[in-house]
Amino acid sequence: MLLLCSGATVTYSHHAITAGNKIEAVFGLILTIILAALFTACQAFEYVSASFSISDGIYGSTFFMATGFHGFHVLIGTCFLTVCLFRLLLNHFSIQHHLGFEAAAFY
């Protein structure tokens, strides 16, 4: 649910950039980063409280590999979006030129 909501907030931020509304774009991007950080925290909690490990057979190895790759993907995306937030605050994006933001959002 956190990641689905973050998809909505990053889309909101993108639409705000294309409309030239910097305040709403910043708000949407901050919400997206917060939701991604919450997801990462929930995944870390799940790992710590799991009653099995990666060496406990096929279930443990499949679980940790699949969720680990996905968690790493979310972590890298969060870093990309954090850089985009700073670029947005520094007015690096305009209505016509915001490819860096779009690439991070698509990632």
PDB file of N, CA and C in Angstrom:
ATOM      1  N   MET A   1       0.816  -1.184   0.000  1.00  0.00           N
ATOM      2  CA  MET A   1       0.000   0.000   0.000  1.00  0.00           C
ATOM      3  C   MET A   1       0.871   1.263   0.000  1.00  0.00           C
ATOM      4  N   LEU A   2       1.984   1.189   0.751  1.00  0.00           N
ATOM      5  CA  LEU A   2       2.886   2.345   0.798  1.00  0.00           C
ATOM      6  C   LEU A   2       3.443   2.656  -0.588  1.00  0.00           C
ATOM      7  N   LEU A   3       3.835   1.618  -1.311  1.00  0.00           N
ATOM      8  CA  LEU A   3       4.414   1.853  -2.634  1.00  0.00           C
ATOM      9  C   LEU A   3       3.357   2.291  -3.649  1.00  0.00           C
ATOM     10  N   LEU A   4       2.155   1.794  -3.519  1.00  0.00           N
ATOM     11  CA  LEU A   4       1.085   2.254  -4.409  1.00  0.00           C
ATOM     12  C   LEU A   4       0.784   3.736  -4.169  1.00  0.00           C
ATOM     13  N   CYS A   5       0.753   4.130  -2.916  1.00  0.00           N
ATOM     14  CA  CYS A   5       0.527   5.549  -2.594  1.00  0.00           C
ATOM     15  C   CYS A   5       1.694   6.407  -3.068  1.00  0.00           C
ATOM     16  N   SER A   6       2.914   5.880  -2.977  1.00  0.00           N
ATOM     17  CA  SER A   6       4.064   6.658  -3.439  1.00  0.00           C
ATOM     18  C   SER A   6       4.022   6.843  -4.952  1.00  0.00           C
ATOM     19  N   GLY A   7       3.459   5.884  -5.664  1.00  0.00           N
ATOM     20  CA  GLY A   7       3.269   6.056  -7.105  1.00  0.00           C
ATOM     21  C   GLY A   7       2.313   7.197  -7.405  1.00  0.00           C
ATOM     22  N   ALA A   8       1.281   7.321  -6.576  1.00  0.00           N
ATOM     23  CA  ALA A   8       0.326   8.424  -6.755  1.00  0.00           C
ATOM     24  C   ALA A   8       0.963   9.768  -6.423  1.00  0.00           C
ATOM     25  N   THR A   9       1.768   9.820  -5.365  1.00  0.00           N
ATOM     26  CA  THR A   9       2.361  11.095  -4.983  1.00  0.00           C
ATOM     27  C   THR A   9       3.450  11.543  -5.951  1.00  0.00           C
ATOM     28  N   VAL A  10       4.207  10.602  -6.514  1.00  0.00           N
ATOM     29  CA  VAL A  10       5.227  11.004  -7.498  1.00  0.00           C
ATOM     30  C   VAL A  10       4.543  11.457  -8.790  1.00  0.00           C
ATOM     31  N   THR A  11       3.418  10.861  -9.139  1.00  0.00           N
ATOM     32  CA  THR A  11       2.653  11.308 -10.303  1.00  0.00           C
ATOM     33  C   THR A  11       2.085  12.698 -10.053  1.00  0.00           C
ATOM     34  N   TYR A  12       1.599  12.935  -8.844  1.00  0.00           N
ATOM     35  CA  TYR A  12       1.117  14.265  -8.453  1.00  0.00           C
ATOM     36  C   TYR A  12       2.233  15.294  -8.597  1.00  0.00           C
ATOM     37  N   SER A  13       3.410  14.939  -8.129  1.00  0.00           N
ATOM     38  CA  SER A  13       4.551  15.838  -8.226  1.00  0.00           C
ATOM     39  C   SER A  13       4.911  16.119  -9.682  1.00  0.00           C
ATOM     40  N   HIS A  14       4.872  15.086 -10.516  1.00  0.00           N
ATOM     41  CA  HIS A  14       5.181  15.258 -11.938  1.00  0.00           C
ATOM     42  C   HIS A  14       4.176  16.193 -12.607  1.00  0.00           C
ATOM     43  N   HIS A  15       2.910  16.000 -12.316  1.00  0.00           N
ATOM     44  CA  HIS A  15       1.888  16.876 -12.892  1.00  0.00           C
ATOM     45  C   HIS A  15       2.057  18.312 -12.408  1.00  0.00           C
ATOM     46  N   ALA A  16       2.476  18.483 -11.152  1.00  0.00           N
ATOM     47  CA  ALA A  16       2.715  19.826 -10.634  1.00  0.00           C
ATOM     48  C   ALA A  16       3.897  20.482 -11.351  1.00  0.00           C
ATOM     49  N   ILE A  17       4.927  19.705 -11.662  1.00  0.00           N
ATOM     50  CA  ILE A  17       6.064  20.260 -12.411  1.00  0.00           C
ATOM     51  C   ILE A  17       5.609  20.700 -13.794  1.00  0.00           C
ATOM     52  N   THR A  18       4.839  19.857 -14.465  1.00  0.00           N
ATOM     53  CA  THR A  18       4.381  20.209 -15.821  1.00  0.00           C
ATOM     54  C   THR A  18       3.396  21.370 -15.808  1.00  0.00           C
ATOM     55  N   ALA A  19       2.780  21.637 -14.657  1.00  0.00           N
ATOM     56  CA  ALA A  19       1.869  22.781 -14.539  1.00  0.00           C
ATOM     57  C   ALA A  19       2.596  24.029 -14.043  1.00  0.00           C
ATOM     58  N   GLY A  20       3.878  23.876 -13.695  1.00  0.00           N
ATOM     59  CA  GLY A  20       4.647  25.018 -13.218  1.00  0.00           C
ATOM     60  C   GLY A  20       4.401  25.365 -11.764  1.00  0.00           C
ATOM     61  N   ASN A  21       3.877  24.428 -10.988  1.00  0.00           N
ATOM     62  CA  ASN A  21       3.566  24.676  -9.584  1.00  0.00           C
ATOM     63  C   ASN A  21       4.634  24.015  -8.708  1.00  0.00           C
ATOM     64  N   LYS A  22       5.653  24.782  -8.370  1.00  0.00           N
ATOM     65  CA  LYS A  22       6.800  24.240  -7.642  1.00  0.00           C
ATOM     66  C   LYS A  22       6.436  23.779  -6.238  1.00  0.00           C
ATOM     67  N   ILE A  23       5.598  24.522  -5.531  1.00  0.00           N
ATOM     68  CA  ILE A  23       5.250  24.175  -4.148  1.00  0.00           C
ATOM     69  C   ILE A  23       4.566  22.811  -4.090  1.00  0.00           C
ATOM     70  N   GLU A  24       3.607  22.577  -4.964  1.00  0.00           N
ATOM     71  CA  GLU A  24       2.934  21.277  -4.986  1.00  0.00           C
ATOM     72  C   GLU A  24       3.871  20.168  -5.432  1.00  0.00           C
ATOM     73  N   ALA A  25       4.783  20.472  -6.350  1.00  0.00           N
ATOM     74  CA  ALA A  25       5.756  19.475  -6.799  1.00  0.00           C
ATOM     75  C   ALA A  25       6.670  19.063  -5.649  1.00  0.00           C
ATOM     76  N   VAL A  26       7.127  20.032  -4.878  1.00  0.00           N
ATOM     77  CA  VAL A  26       7.976  19.733  -3.720  1.00  0.00           C
ATOM     78  C   VAL A  26       7.196  18.922  -2.694  1.00  0.00           C
ATOM     79  N   PHE A  27       5.958  19.319  -2.424  1.00  0.00           N
ATOM     80  CA  PHE A  27       5.115  18.595  -1.470  1.00  0.00           C
ATOM     81  C   PHE A  27       4.926  17.141  -1.895  1.00  0.00           C
ATOM     82  N   GLY A  28       4.593  16.923  -3.151  1.00  0.00           N
ATOM     83  CA  GLY A  28       4.398  15.562  -3.650  1.00  0.00           C
ATOM     84  C   GLY A  28       5.660  14.722  -3.575  1.00  0.00           C
ATOM     85  N   LEU A  29       6.787  15.341  -3.882  1.00  0.00           N
ATOM     86  CA  LEU A  29       8.059  14.613  -3.865  1.00  0.00           C
ATOM     87  C   LEU A  29       8.483  14.289  -2.430  1.00  0.00           C
ATOM     88  N   ILE A  30       8.257  15.212  -1.507  1.00  0.00           N
ATOM     89  CA  ILE A  30       8.568  14.926  -0.095  1.00  0.00           C
ATOM     90  C   ILE A  30       7.704  13.777   0.417  1.00  0.00           C
ATOM     91  N   LEU A  31       6.416  13.796   0.078  1.00  0.00           N
ATOM     92  CA  LEU A  31       5.535  12.686   0.478  1.00  0.00           C
ATOM     93  C   LEU A  31       6.010  11.362  -0.104  1.00  0.00           C
ATOM     94  N   THR A  32       6.446  11.380  -1.358  1.00  0.00           N
ATOM     95  CA  THR A  32       6.932  10.168  -2.001  1.00  0.00           C
ATOM     96  C   THR A  32       8.147   9.618  -1.274  1.00  0.00           C
ATOM     97  N   ILE A  33       9.078  10.484  -0.937  1.00  0.00           N
ATOM     98  CA  ILE A  33      10.294  10.059  -0.249  1.00  0.00           C
ATOM     99  C   ILE A  33       9.964   9.518   1.142  1.00  0.00           C
ATOM    100  N   ILE A  34       9.033  10.148   1.832  1.00  0.00           N
ATOM    101  CA  ILE A  34       8.621   9.668   3.157  1.00  0.00           C
ATOM    102  C   ILE A  34       7.996   8.277   3.044  1.00  0.00           C
ATOM    103  N   LEU A  35       7.124   8.088   2.067  1.00  0.00           N
ATOM    104  CA  LEU A  35       6.482   6.776   1.887  1.00  0.00           C
ATOM    105  C   LEU A  35       7.509   5.703   1.543  1.00  0.00           C
ATOM    106  N   ALA A  36       8.491   6.035   0.714  1.00  0.00           N
ATOM    107  CA  ALA A  36       9.534   5.068   0.366  1.00  0.00           C
ATOM    108  C   ALA A  36      10.383   4.726   1.589  1.00  0.00           C
ATOM    109  N   ALA A  37      10.682   5.730   2.404  1.00  0.00           N
ATOM    110  CA  ALA A  37      11.451   5.477   3.630  1.00  0.00           C
ATOM    111  C   ALA A  37      10.658   4.609   4.604  1.00  0.00           C
ATOM    112  N   LEU A  38       9.362   4.847   4.701  1.00  0.00           N
ATOM    113  CA  LEU A  38       8.516   4.005   5.561  1.00  0.00           C
ATOM    114  C   LEU A  38       8.494   2.562   5.061  1.00  0.00           C
ATOM    115  N   PHE A  39       8.414   2.382   3.747  1.00  0.00           N
ATOM    116  CA  PHE A  39       8.440   1.034   3.188  1.00  0.00           C
ATOM    117  C   PHE A  39       9.758   0.346   3.541  1.00  0.00           C
ATOM    118  N   THR A  40      10.868   1.054   3.391  1.00  0.00           N
ATOM    119  CA  THR A  40      12.174   0.475   3.700  1.00  0.00           C
ATOM    120  C   THR A  40      12.262   0.122   5.180  1.00  0.00           C
ATOM    121  N   ALA A  41      11.726   0.970   6.040  1.00  0.00           N
ATOM    122  CA  ALA A  41      11.723   0.683   7.474  1.00  0.00           C
ATOM    123  C   ALA A  41      10.867  -0.543   7.792  1.00  0.00           C
ATOM    124  N   CYS A  42       9.720  -0.660   7.147  1.00  0.00           N
ATOM    125  CA  CYS A  42       8.863  -1.835   7.350  1.00  0.00           C
ATOM    126  C   CYS A  42       9.557  -3.113   6.879  1.00  0.00           C
ATOM    127  N   GLN A  43      10.265  -3.023   5.765  1.00  0.00           N
ATOM    128  CA  GLN A  43      10.977  -4.194   5.261  1.00  0.00           C
ATOM    129  C   GLN A  43      12.114  -4.569   6.212  1.00  0.00           C
ATOM    130  N   ALA A  44      12.823  -3.588   6.743  1.00  0.00           N
ATOM    131  CA  ALA A  44      13.890  -3.870   7.702  1.00  0.00           C
ATOM    132  C   ALA A  44      13.321  -4.537   8.956  1.00  0.00           C
ATOM    133  N   PHE A  45      12.180  -4.043   9.431  1.00  0.00           N
ATOM    134  CA  PHE A  45      11.532  -4.655  10.589  1.00  0.00           C
ATOM    135  C   PHE A  45      11.137  -6.095  10.285  1.00  0.00           C
ATOM    136  N   GLU A  46      10.616  -6.325   9.093  1.00  0.00           N
ATOM    137  CA  GLU A  46      10.222  -7.677   8.688  1.00  0.00           C
ATOM    138  C   GLU A  46      11.428  -8.605   8.675  1.00  0.00           C
ATOM    139  N   TYR A  47      12.553  -8.121   8.193  1.00  0.00           N
ATOM    140  CA  TYR A  47      13.771  -8.936   8.162  1.00  0.00           C
ATOM    141  C   TYR A  47      14.238  -9.289   9.572  1.00  0.00           C
ATOM    142  N   VAL A  48      14.217  -8.298  10.466  1.00  0.00           N
ATOM    143  CA  VAL A  48      14.700  -8.508  11.830  1.00  0.00           C
ATOM    144  C   VAL A  48      13.793  -9.472  12.596  1.00  0.00           C
ATOM    145  N   SER A  49      12.500  -9.386  12.351  1.00  0.00           N
ATOM    146  CA  SER A  49      11.560 -10.213  13.112  1.00  0.00           C
ATOM    147  C   SER A  49      11.225 -11.547  12.439  1.00  0.00           C
ATOM    148  N   ALA A  50      11.828 -11.835  11.297  1.00  0.00           N
ATOM    149  CA  ALA A  50      11.553 -13.099  10.602  1.00  0.00           C
ATOM    150  C   ALA A  50      12.056 -14.274  11.441  1.00  0.00           C
ATOM    151  N   SER A  51      11.280 -15.340  11.451  1.00  0.00           N
ATOM    152  CA  SER A  51      11.659 -16.525  12.229  1.00  0.00           C
ATOM    153  C   SER A  51      12.523 -17.489  11.423  1.00  0.00           C
ATOM    154  N   PHE A  52      12.963 -17.055  10.241  1.00  0.00           N
ATOM    155  CA  PHE A  52      13.796 -17.898   9.385  1.00  0.00           C
ATOM    156  C   PHE A  52      14.908 -17.037   8.806  1.00  0.00           C
ATOM    157  N   SER A  53      15.888 -17.697   8.212  1.00  0.00           N
ATOM    158  CA  SER A  53      17.007 -16.963   7.622  1.00  0.00           C
ATOM    159  C   SER A  53      17.189 -17.386   6.169  1.00  0.00           C
ATOM    160  N   ILE A  54      18.130 -16.746   5.504  1.00  0.00           N
ATOM    161  CA  ILE A  54      18.380 -17.046   4.093  1.00  0.00           C
ATOM    162  C   ILE A  54      18.928 -18.464   3.915  1.00  0.00           C
ATOM    163  N   SER A  55      19.503 -19.016   4.952  1.00  0.00           N
ATOM    164  CA  SER A  55      20.085 -20.359   4.857  1.00  0.00           C
ATOM    165  C   SER A  55      19.127 -21.459   5.314  1.00  0.00           C
ATOM    166  N   ASP A  56      17.866 -21.125   5.536  1.00  0.00           N
ATOM    167  CA  ASP A  56      16.887 -22.112   6.008  1.00  0.00           C
ATOM    168  C   ASP A  56      16.131 -22.809   4.884  1.00  0.00           C
ATOM    169  N   GLY A  57      16.761 -23.032   3.780  1.00  0.00           N
ATOM    170  CA  GLY A  57      16.119 -23.757   2.696  1.00  0.00           C
ATOM    171  C   GLY A  57      15.620 -22.844   1.602  1.00  0.00           C
ATOM    172  N   ILE A  58      14.801 -23.425   0.742  1.00  0.00           N
ATOM    173  CA  ILE A  58      14.353 -22.719  -0.456  1.00  0.00           C
ATOM    174  C   ILE A  58      13.450 -21.530  -0.117  1.00  0.00           C
ATOM    175  N   TYR A  59      12.609 -21.655   0.911  1.00  0.00           N
ATOM    176  CA  TYR A  59      11.719 -20.549   1.249  1.00  0.00           C
ATOM    177  C   TYR A  59      12.509 -19.337   1.728  1.00  0.00           C
ATOM    178  N   GLY A  60      13.423 -19.554   2.651  1.00  0.00           N
ATOM    179  CA  GLY A  60      14.215 -18.447   3.179  1.00  0.00           C
ATOM    180  C   GLY A  60      15.051 -17.777   2.104  1.00  0.00           C
ATOM    181  N   SER A  61      15.713 -18.582   1.276  1.00  0.00           N
ATOM    182  CA  SER A  61      16.556 -17.988   0.240  1.00  0.00           C
ATOM    183  C   SER A  61      15.722 -17.261  -0.811  1.00  0.00           C
ATOM    184  N   THR A  62      14.589 -17.813  -1.198  1.00  0.00           N
ATOM    185  CA  THR A  62      13.723 -17.149  -2.178  1.00  0.00           C
ATOM    186  C   THR A  62      13.140 -15.863  -1.598  1.00  0.00           C
ATOM    187  N   PHE A  63      12.680 -15.937  -0.366  1.00  0.00           N
ATOM    188  CA  PHE A  63      12.090 -14.761   0.282  1.00  0.00           C
ATOM    189  C   PHE A  63      13.093 -13.617   0.369  1.00  0.00           C
ATOM    190  N   PHE A  64      14.274 -13.897   0.919  1.00  0.00           N
ATOM    191  CA  PHE A  64      15.243 -12.828   1.127  1.00  0.00           C
ATOM    192  C   PHE A  64      15.843 -12.317  -0.185  1.00  0.00           C
ATOM    193  N   MET A  65      16.019 -13.178  -1.167  1.00  0.00           N
ATOM    194  CA  MET A  65      16.546 -12.720  -2.455  1.00  0.00           C
ATOM    195  C   MET A  65      15.519 -11.852  -3.184  1.00  0.00           C
ATOM    196  N   ALA A  66      14.284 -12.296  -3.253  1.00  0.00           N
ATOM    197  CA  ALA A  66      13.254 -11.537  -3.975  1.00  0.00           C
ATOM    198  C   ALA A  66      12.949 -10.206  -3.285  1.00  0.00           C
ATOM    199  N   THR A  67      12.708 -10.250  -1.997  1.00  0.00           N
ATOM    200  CA  THR A  67      12.392  -9.012  -1.289  1.00  0.00           C
ATOM    201  C   THR A  67      13.624  -8.128  -1.136  1.00  0.00           C
ATOM    202  N   GLY A  68      14.794  -8.735  -1.068  1.00  0.00           N
ATOM    203  CA  GLY A  68      16.031  -7.956  -0.975  1.00  0.00           C
ATOM    204  C   GLY A  68      16.310  -7.178  -2.245  1.00  0.00           C
ATOM    205  N   PHE A  69      16.142  -7.827  -3.398  1.00  0.00           N
ATOM    206  CA  PHE A  69      16.334  -7.110  -4.662  1.00  0.00           C
ATOM    207  C   PHE A  69      15.311  -5.988  -4.808  1.00  0.00           C
ATOM    208  N   HIS A  70      14.083  -6.257  -4.425  1.00  0.00           N
ATOM    209  CA  HIS A  70      13.055  -5.232  -4.513  1.00  0.00           C
ATOM    210  C   HIS A  70      13.347  -4.088  -3.541  1.00  0.00           C
ATOM    211  N   GLY A  71      13.763  -4.413  -2.328  1.00  0.00           N
ATOM    212  CA  GLY A  71      14.112  -3.386  -1.355  1.00  0.00           C
ATOM    213  C   GLY A  71      15.283  -2.532  -1.818  1.00  0.00           C
ATOM    214  N   PHE A  72      16.267  -3.164  -2.452  1.00  0.00           N
ATOM    215  CA  PHE A  72      17.401  -2.424  -2.986  1.00  0.00           C
ATOM    216  C   PHE A  72      16.943  -1.482  -4.099  1.00  0.00           C
ATOM    217  N   HIS A  73      16.030  -1.961  -4.937  1.00  0.00           N
ATOM    218  CA  HIS A  73      15.457  -1.145  -6.008  1.00  0.00           C
ATOM    219  C   HIS A  73      14.754   0.086  -5.417  1.00  0.00           C
ATOM    220  N   VAL A  74      13.987  -0.115  -4.368  1.00  0.00           N
ATOM    221  CA  VAL A  74      13.294   1.003  -3.709  1.00  0.00           C
ATOM    222  C   VAL A  74      14.302   1.959  -3.091  1.00  0.00           C
ATOM    223  N   LEU A  75      15.353   1.437  -2.486  1.00  0.00           N
ATOM    224  CA  LEU A  75      16.378   2.279  -1.873  1.00  0.00           C
ATOM    225  C   LEU A  75      17.078   3.158  -2.912  1.00  0.00           C
ATOM    226  N   ILE A  76      17.443   2.586  -4.051  1.00  0.00           N
ATOM    227  CA  ILE A  76      18.088   3.350  -5.118  1.00  0.00           C
ATOM    228  C   ILE A  76      17.110   4.404  -5.660  1.00  0.00           C
ATOM    229  N   GLY A  77      15.839   4.020  -5.855  1.00  0.00           N
ATOM    230  CA  GLY A  77      14.833   4.970  -6.315  1.00  0.00           C
ATOM    231  C   GLY A  77      14.645   6.116  -5.335  1.00  0.00           C
ATOM    232  N   THR A  78      14.706   5.823  -4.049  1.00  0.00           N
ATOM    233  CA  THR A  78      14.597   6.866  -3.036  1.00  0.00           C
ATOM    234  C   THR A  78      15.770   7.833  -3.138  1.00  0.00           C
ATOM    235  N   CYS A  79      16.954   7.301  -3.377  1.00  0.00           N
ATOM    236  CA  CYS A  79      18.133   8.169  -3.564  1.00  0.00           C
ATOM    237  C   CYS A  79      17.958   9.052  -4.790  1.00  0.00           C
ATOM    238  N   PHE A  80      17.498   8.466  -5.899  1.00  0.00           N
ATOM    239  CA  PHE A  80      17.255   9.243  -7.118  1.00  0.00           C
ATOM    240  C   PHE A  80      16.266  10.379  -6.851  1.00  0.00           C
ATOM    241  N   LEU A  81      15.170  10.051  -6.169  1.00  0.00           N
ATOM    242  CA  LEU A  81      14.141  11.054  -5.917  1.00  0.00           C
ATOM    243  C   LEU A  81      14.599  12.119  -4.927  1.00  0.00           C
ATOM    244  N   THR A  82      15.477  11.748  -4.007  1.00  0.00           N
ATOM    245  CA  THR A  82      16.036  12.739  -3.087  1.00  0.00           C
ATOM    246  C   THR A  82      16.913  13.735  -3.846  1.00  0.00           C
ATOM    247  N   VAL A  83      17.698  13.240  -4.782  1.00  0.00           N
ATOM    248  CA  VAL A  83      18.496  14.134  -5.631  1.00  0.00           C
ATOM    249  C   VAL A  83      17.565  15.037  -6.437  1.00  0.00           C
ATOM    250  N   CYS A  84      16.484  14.466  -6.952  1.00  0.00           N
ATOM    251  CA  CYS A  84      15.511  15.269  -7.705  1.00  0.00           C
ATOM    252  C   CYS A  84      14.874  16.336  -6.826  1.00  0.00           C
ATOM    253  N   LEU A  85      14.638  16.029  -5.562  1.00  0.00           N
ATOM    254  CA  LEU A  85      14.083  17.030  -4.647  1.00  0.00           C
ATOM    255  C   LEU A  85      15.027  18.220  -4.521  1.00  0.00           C
ATOM    256  N   PHE A  86      16.322  17.949  -4.327  1.00  0.00           N
ATOM    257  CA  PHE A  86      17.284  19.050  -4.238  1.00  0.00           C
ATOM    258  C   PHE A  86      17.363  19.826  -5.549  1.00  0.00           C
ATOM    259  N   ARG A  87      17.316  19.113  -6.670  1.00  0.00           N
ATOM    260  CA  ARG A  87      17.329  19.795  -7.967  1.00  0.00           C
ATOM    261  C   ARG A  87      16.074  20.640  -8.152  1.00  0.00           C
ATOM    262  N   LEU A  88      14.949  20.137  -7.689  1.00  0.00           N
ATOM    263  CA  LEU A  88      13.699  20.892  -7.780  1.00  0.00           C
ATOM    264  C   LEU A  88      13.783  22.161  -6.927  1.00  0.00           C
ATOM    265  N   LEU A  89      14.340  22.047  -5.741  1.00  0.00           N
ATOM    266  CA  LEU A  89      14.495  23.210  -4.874  1.00  0.00           C
ATOM    267  C   LEU A  89      15.465  24.234  -5.456  1.00  0.00           C
ATOM    268  N   LEU A  90      16.422  23.761  -6.256  1.00  0.00           N
ATOM    269  CA  LEU A  90      17.399  24.655  -6.891  1.00  0.00           C
ATOM    270  C   LEU A  90      16.944  25.139  -8.273  1.00  0.00           C
ATOM    271  N   ASN A  91      15.666  24.891  -8.603  1.00  0.00           N
ATOM    272  CA  ASN A  91      15.068  25.320  -9.878  1.00  0.00           C
ATOM    273  C   ASN A  91      15.760  24.725 -11.106  1.00  0.00           C
ATOM    274  N   HIS A  92      16.194  23.484 -11.009  1.00  0.00           N
ATOM    275  CA  HIS A  92      16.809  22.818 -12.159  1.00  0.00           C
ATOM    276  C   HIS A  92      15.770  22.260 -13.128  1.00  0.00           C
ATOM    277  N   PHE A  93      14.524  22.168 -12.707  1.00  0.00           N
ATOM    278  CA  PHE A  93      13.465  21.617 -13.552  1.00  0.00           C
ATOM    279  C   PHE A  93      12.524  22.730 -13.995  1.00  0.00           C
ATOM    280  N   SER A  94      12.072  22.621 -15.228  1.00  0.00           N
ATOM    281  CA  SER A  94      11.073  23.558 -15.742  1.00  0.00           C
ATOM    282  C   SER A  94       9.933  22.758 -16.353  1.00  0.00           C
ATOM    283  N   ILE A  95       8.947  23.476 -16.844  1.00  0.00           N
ATOM    284  CA  ILE A  95       7.799  22.809 -17.470  1.00  0.00           C
ATOM    285  C   ILE A  95       8.247  21.957 -18.656  1.00  0.00           C
ATOM    286  N   GLN A  96       9.189  22.455 -19.431  1.00  0.00           N
ATOM    287  CA  GLN A  96       9.648  21.739 -20.623  1.00  0.00           C
ATOM    288  C   GLN A  96      10.817  20.798 -20.346  1.00  0.00           C
ATOM    289  N   HIS A  97      11.641  21.111 -19.370  1.00  0.00           N
ATOM    290  CA  HIS A  97      12.877  20.355 -19.142  1.00  0.00           C
ATOM    291  C   HIS A  97      12.901  19.766 -17.735  1.00  0.00           C
ATOM    292  N   HIS A  98      12.526  18.489 -17.653  1.00  0.00           N
ATOM    293  CA  HIS A  98      12.542  17.780 -16.381  1.00  0.00           C
ATOM    294  C   HIS A  98      12.783  16.283 -16.600  1.00  0.00           C
ATOM    295  N   LEU A  99      13.630  15.991 -17.566  1.00  0.00           N
ATOM    296  CA  LEU A  99      13.901  14.590 -17.920  1.00  0.00           C
ATOM    297  C   LEU A  99      14.499  13.815 -16.745  1.00  0.00           C
ATOM    298  N   GLY A 100      15.370  14.445 -15.953  1.00  0.00           N
ATOM    299  CA  GLY A 100      15.957  13.771 -14.800  1.00  0.00           C
ATOM    300  C   GLY A 100      14.899  13.304 -13.815  1.00  0.00           C
ATOM    301  N   PHE A 101      13.903  14.153 -13.602  1.00  0.00           N
ATOM    302  CA  PHE A 101      12.801  13.771 -12.718  1.00  0.00           C
ATOM    303  C   PHE A 101      12.013  12.610 -13.314  1.00  0.00           C
ATOM    304  N   GLU A 102      11.701  12.696 -14.605  1.00  0.00           N
ATOM    305  CA  GLU A 102      10.938  11.629 -15.243  1.00  0.00           C
ATOM    306  C   GLU A 102      11.679  10.306 -15.204  1.00  0.00           C
ATOM    307  N   ALA A 103      12.987  10.344 -15.430  1.00  0.00           N
ATOM    308  CA  ALA A 103      13.778   9.112 -15.391  1.00  0.00           C
ATOM    309  C   ALA A 103      13.742   8.502 -13.983  1.00  0.00           C
ATOM    310  N   ALA A 104      13.876   9.337 -12.959  1.00  0.00           N
ATOM    311  CA  ALA A 104      13.821   8.835 -11.585  1.00  0.00           C
ATOM    312  C   ALA A 104      12.436   8.290 -11.261  1.00  0.00           C
ATOM    313  N   ALA A 105      11.402   8.968 -11.711  1.00  0.00           N
ATOM    314  CA  ALA A 105      10.032   8.503 -11.445  1.00  0.00           C
ATOM    315  C   ALA A 105       9.744   7.188 -12.172  1.00  0.00           C
ATOM    316  N   PHE A 106      10.231   7.052 -13.388  1.00  0.00           N
ATOM    317  CA  PHE A 106      10.025   5.808 -14.127  1.00  0.00           C
ATOM    318  C   PHE A 106      10.805   4.661 -13.508  1.00  0.00           C
ATOM    319  N   TYR A 107      11.962   4.967 -12.922  1.00  0.00           N
ATOM    320  CA  TYR A 107      12.760   3.915 -12.275  1.00  0.00           C
ATOM    321  C   TYR A 107      11.965   3.312 -11.137  1.00  0.00           C
TER     322      TYR A 107
END
